[in-house]
């Protein structure tokens, strides 16, 4: 075993940080997608309800 195998290299911390950040970004994107989808669903529901009310009133 050489010392390079047991001692973490300076680049190892950078690689680990990048991987952690990438995973966090992916999770945030998935969460943002579902939030946007829920928001869009609410907006469409409100719009359809308003349309029905206007049509019945007219």
C-alpha atoms as a PDB file:
ATOM      1  CA  UNK A   1       0.000   0.000   0.000  1.00  0.00           C
ATOM      2  CA  UNK A   2       1.382   3.353  -0.960  1.00  0.00           C
ATOM      3  CA  UNK A   3       0.715   6.557   1.012  1.00  0.00           C
ATOM      4  CA  UNK A   4      -1.342   7.908  -1.903  1.00  0.00           C
ATOM      5  CA  UNK A   5      -3.904   5.141  -1.368  1.00  0.00           C
ATOM      6  CA  UNK A   6      -4.412   5.909   2.328  1.00  0.00           C
ATOM      7  CA  UNK A   7      -4.053   9.700   2.263  1.00  0.00           C
ATOM      8  CA  UNK A   8      -6.924  11.625   0.674  1.00  0.00           C
ATOM      9  CA  UNK A   9      -5.769  13.713  -2.238  1.00  0.00           C
ATOM     10  CA  UNK A  10      -6.702  17.413  -2.517  1.00  0.00           C
ATOM     11  CA  UNK A  11      -8.802  16.641  -5.583  1.00  0.00           C
ATOM     12  CA  UNK A  12     -10.830  14.004  -3.724  1.00  0.00           C
ATOM     13  CA  UNK A  13     -12.557  16.623  -1.574  1.00  0.00           C
ATOM     14  CA  UNK A  14     -13.397  18.655  -4.666  1.00  0.00           C
ATOM     15  CA  UNK A  15     -14.845  15.618  -6.445  1.00  0.00           C
ATOM     16  CA  UNK A  16     -16.906  14.709  -3.364  1.00  0.00           C
ATOM     17  CA  UNK A  17     -18.180  18.291  -3.065  1.00  0.00           C
ATOM     18  CA  UNK A  18     -19.160  18.385  -6.746  1.00  0.00           C
ATOM     19  CA  UNK A  19     -20.971  15.040  -6.464  1.00  0.00           C
ATOM     20  CA  UNK A  20     -22.837  16.215  -3.364  1.00  0.00           C
ATOM     21  CA  UNK A  21     -23.827  19.455  -5.053  1.00  0.00           C
ATOM     22  CA  UNK A  22     -24.958  17.604  -8.186  1.00  0.00           C
ATOM     23  CA  UNK A  23     -27.206  15.304  -6.145  1.00  0.00           C
ATOM     24  CA  UNK A  24     -28.635  18.298  -4.263  1.00  0.00           C
ATOM     25  CA  UNK A  25     -29.355  20.128  -7.528  1.00  0.00           C
ATOM     26  CA  UNK A  26     -31.064  17.054  -8.998  1.00  0.00           C
ATOM     27  CA  UNK A  27     -33.270  16.704  -5.925  1.00  0.00           C
ATOM     28  CA  UNK A  28     -34.113  20.410  -5.998  1.00  0.00           C
ATOM     29  CA  UNK A  29     -35.052  20.175  -9.680  1.00  0.00           C
ATOM     30  CA  UNK A  30     -37.392  17.246  -9.005  1.00  0.00           C
ATOM     31  CA  UNK A  31     -38.988  19.109  -6.093  1.00  0.00           C
ATOM     32  CA  UNK A  32     -39.360  22.275  -8.192  1.00  0.00           C
ATOM     33  CA  UNK A  33     -40.968  20.245 -10.976  1.00  0.00           C
ATOM     34  CA  UNK A  34     -43.624  18.830  -8.654  1.00  0.00           C
ATOM     35  CA  UNK A  35     -44.276  22.257  -7.119  1.00  0.00           C
ATOM     36  CA  UNK A  36     -44.703  23.767 -10.586  1.00  0.00           C
ATOM     37  CA  UNK A  37     -46.974  20.899 -11.625  1.00  0.00           C
ATOM     38  CA  UNK A  38     -49.134  21.377  -8.524  1.00  0.00           C
ATOM     39  CA  UNK A  39     -49.293  25.127  -9.139  1.00  0.00           C
ATOM     40  CA  UNK A  40     -50.267  24.602 -12.754  1.00  0.00           C
ATOM     41  CA  UNK A  41     -52.988  22.164 -11.690  1.00  0.00           C
ATOM     42  CA  UNK A  42     -54.439  24.724  -9.281  1.00  0.00           C
ATOM     43  CA  UNK A  43     -54.334  27.472 -11.911  1.00  0.00           C
ATOM     44  CA  UNK A  44     -56.078  25.270 -14.486  1.00  0.00           C
ATOM     45  CA  UNK A  45     -58.728  24.251 -11.954  1.00  0.00           C
ATOM     46  CA  UNK A  46     -59.450  27.872 -11.063  1.00  0.00           C
ATOM     47  CA  UNK A  47     -59.558  28.853 -14.734  1.00  0.00           C
ATOM     48  CA  UNK A  48     -61.966  26.022 -15.592  1.00  0.00           C
ATOM     49  CA  UNK A  49     -64.202  26.907 -12.645  1.00  0.00           C
ATOM     50  CA  UNK A  50     -64.246  30.562 -13.666  1.00  0.00           C
ATOM     51  CA  UNK A  51     -65.057  29.572 -17.252  1.00  0.00           C
ATOM     52  CA  UNK A  52     -67.974  27.398 -16.139  1.00  0.00           C
ATOM     53  CA  UNK A  53     -69.323  30.188 -13.917  1.00  0.00           C
ATOM     54  CA  UNK A  54     -69.097  32.713 -16.761  1.00  0.00           C
ATOM     55  CA  UNK A  55     -70.763  30.346 -19.238  1.00  0.00           C
ATOM     56  CA  UNK A  56     -73.622  29.536 -16.833  1.00  0.00           C
ATOM     57  CA  UNK A  57     -74.091  33.224 -16.020  1.00  0.00           C
ATOM     58  CA  UNK A  58     -74.193  34.174 -19.698  1.00  0.00           C
END
